[in-house]
Amino acid sequence: MSSQDLVGQRIKTVRRQRGLSQAQLAHPELSDSYVSLIESGKRTPTPAVLELLAAKLECSLTYLLNGVTAEQMEEIEVGLRFARLALENGEVEEARARFAELRADPSLAGLAQLRLDAEYGYALAAEACGDLEEAIEVHVRLLESEDLATERRIAISLALCRCYRQQGDLTAAVRVGERMLGREDRPSWSDELVELGATLLLAYIERGDLLRARQFSGELLAAAEQLGTPRATVAACWNAAIVAEQTRRGDEALALAERALAIHSENGDARNLARVRGAYAYLLLRIRPEEAETCRDLLVRAKAELNETSASITDRALCNVYLAKAELALGNNEKAAEYAIEALGKLKENARGPRAEARLVLGHAYLRLGRDDAAASELSAAAEWLGQAPVSRSITQGWVTAAAALENLDDEEASAEAYQRALAGVGL
């Protein structure tokens, strides 16, 4: 039933409740035949006529348009504000519950924009709770709508591309990103489009397409420079830094990352600032391991900040993994094990790559502590998770790490198999 039909139906229902005929409702400003056409959905009343009919029927214009009273509309909008606030404050389970309650409200049936807000908010909350499959399902359904505004389509595409990448489905992530960026009706570069491009760039890196990644990172940097906005500059610089590191340009990578962190410190939201700070610390650890103490301190700060925001479970768990690696570099093996165990306690079963990484770190910590049986158990579990995860650069590197650790345990057979899996990951 169209919105025009629904408006006519509501006018007819309220008219009958008031005990009025069509002629009585119409007189003297309108004809009864015109009212009949409106009620049957054959005519679309002008805003002025709708206001007139609402006054005559002693009901709100909001009700005639949307099927809810002004009080119900205000209650829904307040509910959405509280749900968003809970998400922004890191109360992700509460946010998910609030958005779920709004989605189930029958009053939203005629409120397309507010219903979309509730669905989109629920998907973001599901992602923050680590339920990527649920988030993906909702985002895919939302993108199927043909009447989405361009800005909303970009936002949903960005979230969906990010979820697919976190899940390890790099093919799907690339498909979503390229489809949005390649649309004929795509607007000129904006902050949202640069962020979408940056997420797509990470997918290129993960699947090992470094040539395309390096070319595309240049395009994003140029777009960000043209825009001149902090948000676009941070996204472009940060992801260009990752490309630079992957192509062995460490100093350039750190310079780009430091620029992103400096700009975000002045202009960014708390969640993304914490994520950038933690990722910068881990980048610094990889490029300059001699600065492990500085990296550890930055990660401790990032961990505290993440816990106060709407950062996803995966983001928080990965910060613990990075902390474990920093502690390993400092020789604090017990502390490294604690952080790795904490990370495993946060991650859901479908987070295969992060779970494998956490198990690898824990296995190394146990190996250094002389707990060979525990180390072997963790490395075996890591291998199992690596085997379930889609092939990517990080998964291939995980196999190399597992192989070296298994070799230290004198498990030559398992070590050889891990090396073979690593070679297969690079197409050899």
Protein backbone atom coordinates (compact mmCIF):
# COMPACT_ATOMS: atom_id res chain seq x y z
CA MET A 1 0.00 0.00 0.00
CA SER A 2 1.42 3.40 -1.00
CA SER A 3 1.86 6.32 1.38
CA GLN A 4 -0.89 8.12 -0.54
CA ASP A 5 -3.29 5.23 0.12
CA LEU A 6 -2.33 5.20 3.81
CA VAL A 7 -3.01 8.92 4.22
CA GLY A 8 -6.44 8.52 2.61
CA GLN A 9 -7.20 5.53 4.81
CA ARG A 10 -6.29 7.44 7.97
CA ILE A 11 -8.51 10.39 6.97
CA LYS A 12 -11.40 7.99 6.34
CA THR A 13 -10.87 6.18 9.68
CA VAL A 14 -10.73 9.37 11.76
CA ARG A 15 -13.71 10.88 9.88
CA ARG A 16 -15.83 7.85 10.74
CA GLN A 17 -14.63 7.92 14.35
CA ARG A 18 -15.80 11.53 14.52
CA GLY A 19 -19.20 10.58 13.04
CA LEU A 20 -18.75 12.83 10.00
CA SER A 21 -19.83 12.25 6.42
CA GLN A 22 -17.58 13.14 3.51
CA ALA A 23 -19.81 16.12 2.74
CA GLN A 24 -19.62 17.37 6.34
CA LEU A 25 -15.85 17.07 6.35
CA ALA A 26 -15.55 18.85 3.01
CA HIS A 27 -17.93 21.76 3.66
CA PRO A 28 -17.38 24.59 2.93
CA GLU A 29 -13.78 24.64 1.62
CA LEU A 30 -13.75 21.40 -0.36
CA SER A 31 -16.10 19.24 -2.38
CA ASP A 32 -17.25 15.89 -1.04
CA SER A 33 -16.08 14.24 -4.30
CA TYR A 34 -12.55 15.58 -3.69
CA VAL A 35 -12.56 14.15 -0.17
CA SER A 36 -13.74 10.83 -1.62
CA LEU A 37 -10.86 10.80 -4.10
CA ILE A 38 -8.38 11.55 -1.31
CA GLU A 39 -9.74 8.76 0.89
CA SER A 40 -9.56 6.25 -1.97
CA GLY A 41 -5.94 7.19 -2.71
CA LYS A 42 -6.73 8.63 -6.13
CA ARG A 43 -5.71 12.17 -5.22
CA THR A 44 -2.73 13.46 -3.26
CA PRO A 45 -3.77 16.34 -1.02
CA THR A 46 -1.57 19.42 -0.89
CA PRO A 47 0.08 20.34 2.43
CA ALA A 48 -2.51 23.11 2.89
CA VAL A 49 -5.41 20.70 2.38
CA LEU A 50 -3.87 18.20 4.80
CA GLU A 51 -3.54 20.90 7.45
CA LEU A 52 -7.17 21.87 6.87
CA LEU A 53 -8.38 18.27 7.18
CA ALA A 54 -6.30 17.69 10.32
CA ALA A 55 -7.86 20.75 11.94
CA LYS A 56 -11.38 19.64 10.99
CA LEU A 57 -10.77 16.11 12.23
CA GLU A 58 -9.16 17.43 15.42
CA CYS A 59 -6.07 15.27 14.95
CA SER A 60 -2.42 16.03 14.33
CA LEU A 61 -0.97 16.51 10.87
CA THR A 62 1.78 14.11 11.97
CA TYR A 63 -0.81 11.37 12.44
CA LEU A 64 -2.34 11.83 9.00
CA LEU A 65 1.08 11.75 7.36
CA ASN A 66 2.74 8.99 9.36
CA GLY A 67 0.09 7.15 11.35
CA VAL A 68 1.48 8.27 14.71
CA THR A 69 0.65 11.10 17.02
CA ALA A 70 3.05 13.95 17.68
CA GLU A 71 3.63 12.44 21.14
CA GLN A 72 4.49 9.05 19.64
CA MET A 73 6.83 10.70 17.14
CA GLU A 74 8.63 12.55 19.91
CA GLU A 75 8.91 9.34 21.95
CA ILE A 76 10.51 7.51 19.00
CA GLU A 77 12.97 10.34 18.35
CA VAL A 78 13.95 10.43 22.03
CA GLY A 79 14.44 6.65 21.93
CA LEU A 80 16.74 6.97 18.94
CA ARG A 81 18.76 9.70 20.66
CA PHE A 82 19.27 7.55 23.76
CA ALA A 83 20.22 4.52 21.67
CA ARG A 84 22.80 6.56 19.73
CA LEU A 85 24.15 8.03 22.96
CA ALA A 86 24.57 4.55 24.45
CA LEU A 87 26.48 3.47 21.34
CA GLU A 88 28.73 6.55 21.42
CA ASN A 89 29.47 5.96 25.12
CA GLY A 90 30.54 2.36 24.53
CA GLU A 91 27.43 0.82 26.14
CA VAL A 92 27.09 -1.42 23.10
CA GLU A 93 24.81 -4.11 24.53
CA GLU A 94 22.39 -1.49 25.85
CA ALA A 95 22.49 0.33 22.51
CA ARG A 96 21.71 -2.89 20.68
CA ALA A 97 18.76 -3.59 22.98
CA ARG A 98 17.38 -0.06 22.55
CA PHE A 99 17.66 -0.18 18.77
CA ALA A 100 16.05 -3.64 18.76
CA GLU A 101 13.11 -2.31 20.77
CA LEU A 102 12.68 0.55 18.30
CA ARG A 103 12.80 -1.84 15.33
CA ALA A 104 9.94 -3.83 16.86
CA ASP A 105 7.76 -0.72 17.41
CA PRO A 106 4.77 -0.94 15.01
CA SER A 107 4.58 2.86 14.99
CA LEU A 108 7.64 2.89 12.72
CA ALA A 109 5.72 1.22 9.90
CA GLY A 110 4.84 4.55 8.28
CA LEU A 111 8.00 6.39 9.29
CA ALA A 112 10.48 5.39 6.60
CA GLN A 113 13.34 7.65 7.68
CA LEU A 114 13.10 6.83 11.39
CA ARG A 115 12.75 3.13 10.61
CA LEU A 116 15.92 3.37 8.54
CA ASP A 117 17.67 5.14 11.44
CA ALA A 118 16.67 2.33 13.79
CA GLU A 119 17.81 -0.41 11.40
CA TYR A 120 21.13 1.28 10.65
CA GLY A 121 21.77 1.99 14.33
CA TYR A 122 21.01 -1.63 15.19
CA ALA A 123 23.51 -2.85 12.60
CA LEU A 124 26.23 -0.56 13.99
CA ALA A 125 25.49 -1.79 17.51
CA ALA A 126 25.60 -5.43 16.37
CA GLU A 127 29.00 -4.76 14.80
CA ALA A 128 30.23 -3.13 18.00
CA CYS A 129 29.08 -6.23 19.91
CA GLY A 130 31.13 -8.41 17.57
CA ASP A 131 28.13 -9.93 15.78
CA LEU A 132 29.35 -9.27 12.25
CA GLU A 133 26.97 -11.70 10.56
CA GLU A 134 23.92 -9.93 12.01
CA ALA A 135 25.32 -6.51 11.09
CA ILE A 136 26.04 -7.66 7.54
CA GLU A 137 22.54 -9.11 7.13
CA VAL A 138 20.90 -5.81 8.11
CA HIS A 139 23.22 -3.65 5.98
CA VAL A 140 22.68 -5.85 2.91
CA ARG A 141 18.92 -5.57 3.33
CA LEU A 142 19.12 -1.79 3.71
CA LEU A 143 21.20 -1.44 0.53
CA GLU A 144 18.51 -3.27 -1.43
CA SER A 145 16.19 -0.29 -0.96
CA GLU A 146 15.95 1.74 -4.15
CA ASP A 147 14.94 5.02 -2.53
CA LEU A 148 18.03 5.45 -0.33
CA ALA A 149 19.51 8.93 -0.30
CA THR A 150 23.05 8.98 -1.69
CA GLU A 151 24.60 10.00 1.63
CA ARG A 152 22.87 7.14 3.41
CA ARG A 153 23.89 4.64 0.73
CA ILE A 154 27.53 5.70 1.15
CA ALA A 155 27.33 5.32 4.95
CA ILE A 156 25.79 1.85 4.72
CA SER A 157 28.28 0.76 2.05
CA LEU A 158 31.14 1.94 4.29
CA ALA A 159 29.82 -0.03 7.27
CA LEU A 160 29.18 -3.14 5.15
CA CYS A 161 32.63 -3.00 3.53
CA ARG A 162 34.18 -2.67 7.01
CA CYS A 163 32.19 -5.63 8.37
CA TYR A 164 33.10 -7.88 5.45
CA ARG A 165 36.78 -6.97 5.86
CA GLN A 166 36.70 -7.68 9.60
CA GLN A 167 35.01 -11.00 8.90
CA GLY A 168 37.76 -11.87 6.42
CA ASP A 169 35.53 -11.92 3.34
CA LEU A 170 37.84 -9.68 1.32
CA THR A 171 36.13 -10.43 -2.00
CA ALA A 172 32.82 -9.17 -0.66
CA ALA A 173 34.49 -6.13 0.95
CA VAL A 174 36.12 -5.16 -2.34
CA ARG A 175 32.88 -5.73 -4.26
CA VAL A 176 30.88 -3.43 -1.97
CA GLY A 177 33.53 -0.68 -1.99
CA GLU A 178 34.15 -0.74 -5.73
CA ARG A 179 30.44 -0.86 -6.53
CA MET A 180 29.76 2.31 -4.51
CA LEU A 181 32.83 4.19 -5.74
CA GLY A 182 32.10 3.16 -9.33
CA ARG A 183 28.45 4.26 -9.44
CA GLU A 184 27.59 6.62 -12.28
CA ASP A 185 25.63 8.85 -9.91
CA ARG A 186 28.42 8.92 -7.33
CA PRO A 187 29.00 12.45 -6.02
CA SER A 188 32.40 14.09 -5.89
CA TRP A 189 34.81 13.10 -3.12
CA SER A 190 33.58 13.71 0.41
CA ASP A 191 34.73 12.66 3.89
CA GLU A 192 32.46 9.61 3.77
CA LEU A 193 33.69 8.54 0.33
CA VAL A 194 37.33 8.89 1.36
CA GLU A 195 36.64 6.75 4.43
CA LEU A 196 34.96 4.16 2.22
CA GLY A 197 37.98 4.29 -0.07
CA ALA A 198 40.29 3.83 2.92
CA THR A 199 38.35 0.74 4.02
CA LEU A 200 38.54 -0.63 0.48
CA LEU A 201 42.28 0.07 0.50
CA LEU A 202 42.71 -2.11 3.60
CA ALA A 203 40.92 -4.93 1.80
CA TYR A 204 43.33 -4.57 -1.14
CA ILE A 205 46.26 -4.81 1.28
CA GLU A 206 44.86 -7.83 3.09
CA ARG A 207 44.34 -9.78 -0.11
CA GLY A 208 47.91 -8.97 -1.20
CA ASP A 209 47.09 -6.59 -4.06
CA LEU A 210 49.85 -4.16 -3.12
CA LEU A 211 50.26 -2.64 -6.58
CA ARG A 212 46.59 -1.63 -6.69
CA ALA A 213 46.80 -0.54 -3.07
CA ARG A 214 49.76 1.77 -3.72
CA GLN A 215 48.05 3.34 -6.74
CA PHE A 216 44.77 3.78 -4.90
CA SER A 217 46.42 5.23 -1.80
CA GLY A 218 47.81 7.97 -4.03
CA GLU A 219 44.31 8.70 -5.34
CA LEU A 220 42.94 8.93 -1.80
CA LEU A 221 45.74 11.23 -0.63
CA ALA A 222 45.08 13.54 -3.59
CA ALA A 223 41.34 13.53 -2.87
CA ALA A 224 41.95 14.29 0.81
CA GLU A 225 44.32 17.14 -0.03
CA GLN A 226 41.70 18.62 -2.34
CA LEU A 227 39.00 18.36 0.32
CA GLY A 228 41.27 19.69 3.05
CA THR A 229 39.11 18.29 5.86
CA PRO A 230 40.58 16.62 8.96
CA ARG A 231 38.40 13.52 8.61
CA ALA A 232 39.43 12.79 5.01
CA THR A 233 43.09 13.60 5.69
CA VAL A 234 43.26 11.21 8.65
CA ALA A 235 41.64 8.35 6.72
CA ALA A 236 43.86 8.82 3.65
CA CYS A 237 47.11 9.33 5.58
CA TRP A 238 46.58 6.44 7.93
CA ASN A 239 45.85 3.89 5.23
CA ALA A 240 48.63 5.24 3.01
CA ALA A 241 50.91 4.61 6.01
CA ILE A 242 49.90 0.96 6.06
CA VAL A 243 50.62 0.66 2.34
CA ALA A 244 54.02 2.30 2.88
CA GLU A 245 54.87 -0.15 5.66
CA GLN A 246 53.81 -3.15 3.59
CA THR A 247 56.04 -1.94 0.74
CA ARG A 248 59.03 -1.52 3.09
CA ARG A 249 59.02 2.28 3.38
CA GLY A 250 59.07 2.43 7.17
CA ASP A 251 60.04 6.07 7.71
CA GLU A 252 57.40 7.26 5.24
CA ALA A 253 54.83 5.04 6.96
CA LEU A 254 55.55 6.54 10.37
CA ALA A 255 55.48 10.11 9.02
CA LEU A 256 52.06 9.55 7.46
CA ALA A 257 50.72 7.82 10.58
CA GLU A 258 52.03 10.58 12.86
CA ARG A 259 50.31 13.18 10.71
CA ALA A 260 47.03 11.25 10.96
CA LEU A 261 47.37 10.91 14.73
CA ALA A 262 48.21 14.60 15.19
CA ILE A 263 45.20 15.76 13.16
CA HIS A 264 42.87 13.27 14.86
CA SER A 265 44.07 14.38 18.29
CA GLU A 266 42.74 17.85 17.54
CA ASN A 267 39.62 17.05 15.54
CA GLY A 268 38.59 13.40 15.89
CA ASP A 269 36.02 11.56 17.97
CA ALA A 270 37.18 9.56 20.97
CA ARG A 271 36.61 6.10 19.51
CA ASN A 272 38.55 6.63 16.31
CA LEU A 273 41.29 8.55 18.13
CA ALA A 274 41.80 5.54 20.41
CA ARG A 275 41.83 3.19 17.43
CA VAL A 276 44.36 5.32 15.55
CA ARG A 277 46.54 5.66 18.65
CA GLY A 278 46.58 1.90 19.20
CA ALA A 279 47.23 1.13 15.55
CA TYR A 280 50.04 3.72 15.44
CA ALA A 281 51.68 2.13 18.48
CA TYR A 282 51.58 -1.29 16.83
CA LEU A 283 52.94 0.16 13.58
CA LEU A 284 55.79 1.75 15.53
CA LEU A 285 56.47 -1.57 17.26
CA ARG A 286 56.79 -3.35 13.91
CA ILE A 287 59.03 -0.72 12.34
CA ARG A 288 61.09 0.24 15.40
CA PRO A 289 60.95 -2.63 17.92
CA GLU A 290 63.62 -0.89 19.99
CA GLU A 291 60.89 1.60 21.02
CA ALA A 292 58.73 -1.14 22.54
CA GLU A 293 58.34 0.70 25.86
CA THR A 294 56.89 3.76 24.16
CA CYS A 295 54.58 1.50 22.15
CA ARG A 296 53.41 -0.25 25.33
CA ASP A 297 52.58 3.06 27.02
CA LEU A 298 50.62 4.26 23.99
CA LEU A 299 48.68 0.99 23.88
CA VAL A 300 47.82 1.15 27.57
CA ARG A 301 46.36 4.61 26.94
CA ALA A 302 44.50 3.41 23.85
CA LYS A 303 43.07 0.45 25.78
CA ALA A 304 41.61 2.74 28.45
CA GLU A 305 40.17 5.05 25.81
CA LEU A 306 38.61 2.20 23.81
CA ASN A 307 36.82 0.93 26.90
CA GLU A 308 35.04 4.27 27.23
CA THR A 309 33.76 4.42 23.65
CA SER A 310 31.60 2.47 21.19
CA ALA A 311 34.63 0.61 19.86
CA SER A 312 33.80 -2.91 18.73
CA ILE A 313 34.71 -6.02 20.68
CA THR A 314 37.23 -6.81 17.96
CA ASP A 315 38.91 -3.40 18.32
CA ARG A 316 39.28 -3.88 22.06
CA ALA A 317 40.56 -7.43 21.69
CA LEU A 318 43.12 -6.43 19.06
CA CYS A 319 44.44 -3.70 21.37
CA ASN A 320 45.06 -6.45 23.95
CA VAL A 321 46.86 -8.52 21.32
CA TYR A 322 49.07 -5.55 20.45
CA LEU A 323 49.79 -5.01 24.13
CA ALA A 324 50.76 -8.66 24.47
CA LYS A 325 53.21 -8.28 21.59
CA ALA A 326 54.70 -5.15 23.13
CA GLU A 327 55.16 -6.96 26.45
CA LEU A 328 56.81 -9.87 24.61
CA ALA A 329 59.24 -7.42 23.01
CA LEU A 330 60.03 -6.10 26.50
CA GLY A 331 60.51 -9.60 27.89
CA ASN A 332 57.42 -9.40 30.14
CA ASN A 333 56.13 -12.83 29.21
CA GLU A 334 53.63 -13.29 32.07
CA LYS A 335 52.04 -9.93 31.28
CA ALA A 336 51.95 -10.82 27.59
CA ALA A 337 50.07 -14.02 28.41
CA GLU A 338 47.55 -12.08 30.53
CA TYR A 339 46.76 -9.68 27.71
CA ALA A 340 46.43 -12.52 25.17
CA ILE A 341 44.04 -14.42 27.45
CA GLU A 342 41.98 -11.25 27.95
CA ALA A 343 41.77 -10.81 24.17
CA LEU A 344 40.55 -14.39 23.72
CA GLY A 345 37.87 -13.78 26.33
CA LYS A 346 36.46 -10.91 24.28
CA LEU A 347 36.51 -12.41 20.78
CA LYS A 348 33.54 -14.25 19.32
CA GLU A 349 33.90 -17.62 17.62
CA ASN A 350 33.56 -16.14 14.12
CA ALA A 351 36.56 -13.80 14.62
CA ARG A 352 38.91 -16.43 13.20
CA GLY A 353 41.87 -14.23 12.24
CA PRO A 354 42.03 -12.27 15.53
CA ARG A 355 41.55 -15.46 17.57
CA ALA A 356 44.43 -17.09 15.70
CA GLU A 357 46.63 -14.04 16.32
CA ALA A 358 45.83 -14.04 20.04
CA ARG A 359 46.58 -17.77 20.31
CA LEU A 360 49.90 -17.29 18.51
CA VAL A 361 50.95 -14.58 20.97
CA LEU A 362 49.87 -16.71 23.93
CA GLY A 363 51.77 -19.69 22.52
CA HIS A 364 54.93 -17.57 22.23
CA ALA A 365 54.53 -16.31 25.79
CA TYR A 366 54.17 -19.87 27.12
CA LEU A 367 57.15 -20.98 25.03
CA ARG A 368 59.34 -18.31 26.63
CA LEU A 369 58.03 -19.24 30.06
CA GLY A 370 59.12 -22.84 29.52
CA ARG A 371 55.53 -24.13 29.48
CA ASP A 372 56.05 -26.23 26.37
CA ASP A 373 52.86 -28.30 26.66
CA ALA A 374 50.70 -25.19 27.02
CA ALA A 375 52.58 -23.54 24.16
CA ALA A 376 52.02 -26.56 21.91
CA SER A 377 48.31 -26.54 22.77
CA GLU A 378 47.94 -22.84 21.93
CA LEU A 379 49.90 -23.13 18.69
CA SER A 380 47.79 -26.10 17.65
CA ALA A 381 44.63 -24.09 18.36
CA ALA A 382 46.07 -21.15 16.43
CA ALA A 383 46.75 -23.41 13.44
CA GLU A 384 43.15 -24.62 13.58
CA TRP A 385 41.82 -21.05 13.51
CA LEU A 386 44.25 -20.05 10.76
CA GLY A 387 42.99 -22.97 8.70
CA GLN A 388 39.40 -21.76 9.02
CA ALA A 389 40.14 -18.12 8.11
CA PRO A 390 40.04 -16.85 4.52
CA VAL A 391 43.47 -16.45 2.91
CA SER A 392 44.99 -13.00 3.40
CA ARG A 393 48.38 -11.41 4.01
CA SER A 394 47.88 -11.42 7.79
CA ILE A 395 46.80 -15.06 7.80
CA THR A 396 49.82 -16.01 5.68
CA GLN A 397 52.07 -14.17 8.12
CA GLY A 398 50.34 -16.06 10.92
CA TRP A 399 51.35 -19.36 9.34
CA VAL A 400 54.98 -18.20 9.17
CA THR A 401 54.87 -17.20 12.85
CA ALA A 402 53.29 -20.53 13.83
CA ALA A 403 55.86 -22.47 11.81
CA ALA A 404 58.79 -20.77 13.55
CA ALA A 405 57.30 -21.38 16.99
CA LEU A 406 56.53 -25.02 16.24
CA GLU A 407 60.10 -25.42 15.04
CA ASN A 408 61.31 -24.17 18.43
CA LEU A 409 59.17 -26.89 20.01
CA ASP A 410 60.91 -29.48 17.79
CA ASP A 411 57.59 -30.34 16.13
CA GLU A 412 59.12 -30.62 12.69
CA GLU A 413 56.06 -32.15 11.04
CA ALA A 414 53.66 -29.44 12.21
CA SER A 415 56.25 -26.76 11.43
CA ALA A 416 56.70 -28.02 7.87
CA GLU A 417 52.94 -28.08 7.35
CA ALA A 418 52.63 -24.49 8.60
CA TYR A 419 55.37 -23.35 6.22
CA GLN A 420 53.56 -25.12 3.37
CA ARG A 421 50.33 -23.29 4.27
CA ALA A 422 52.25 -20.00 4.24
CA LEU A 423 53.67 -20.76 0.79
CA ALA A 424 50.21 -21.65 -0.46
CA GLY A 425 48.97 -18.31 0.85
CA VAL A 426 51.35 -16.48 -1.51
CA GLY A 427 50.51 -18.75 -4.41
CA LEU A 428 53.56 -21.06 -4.23
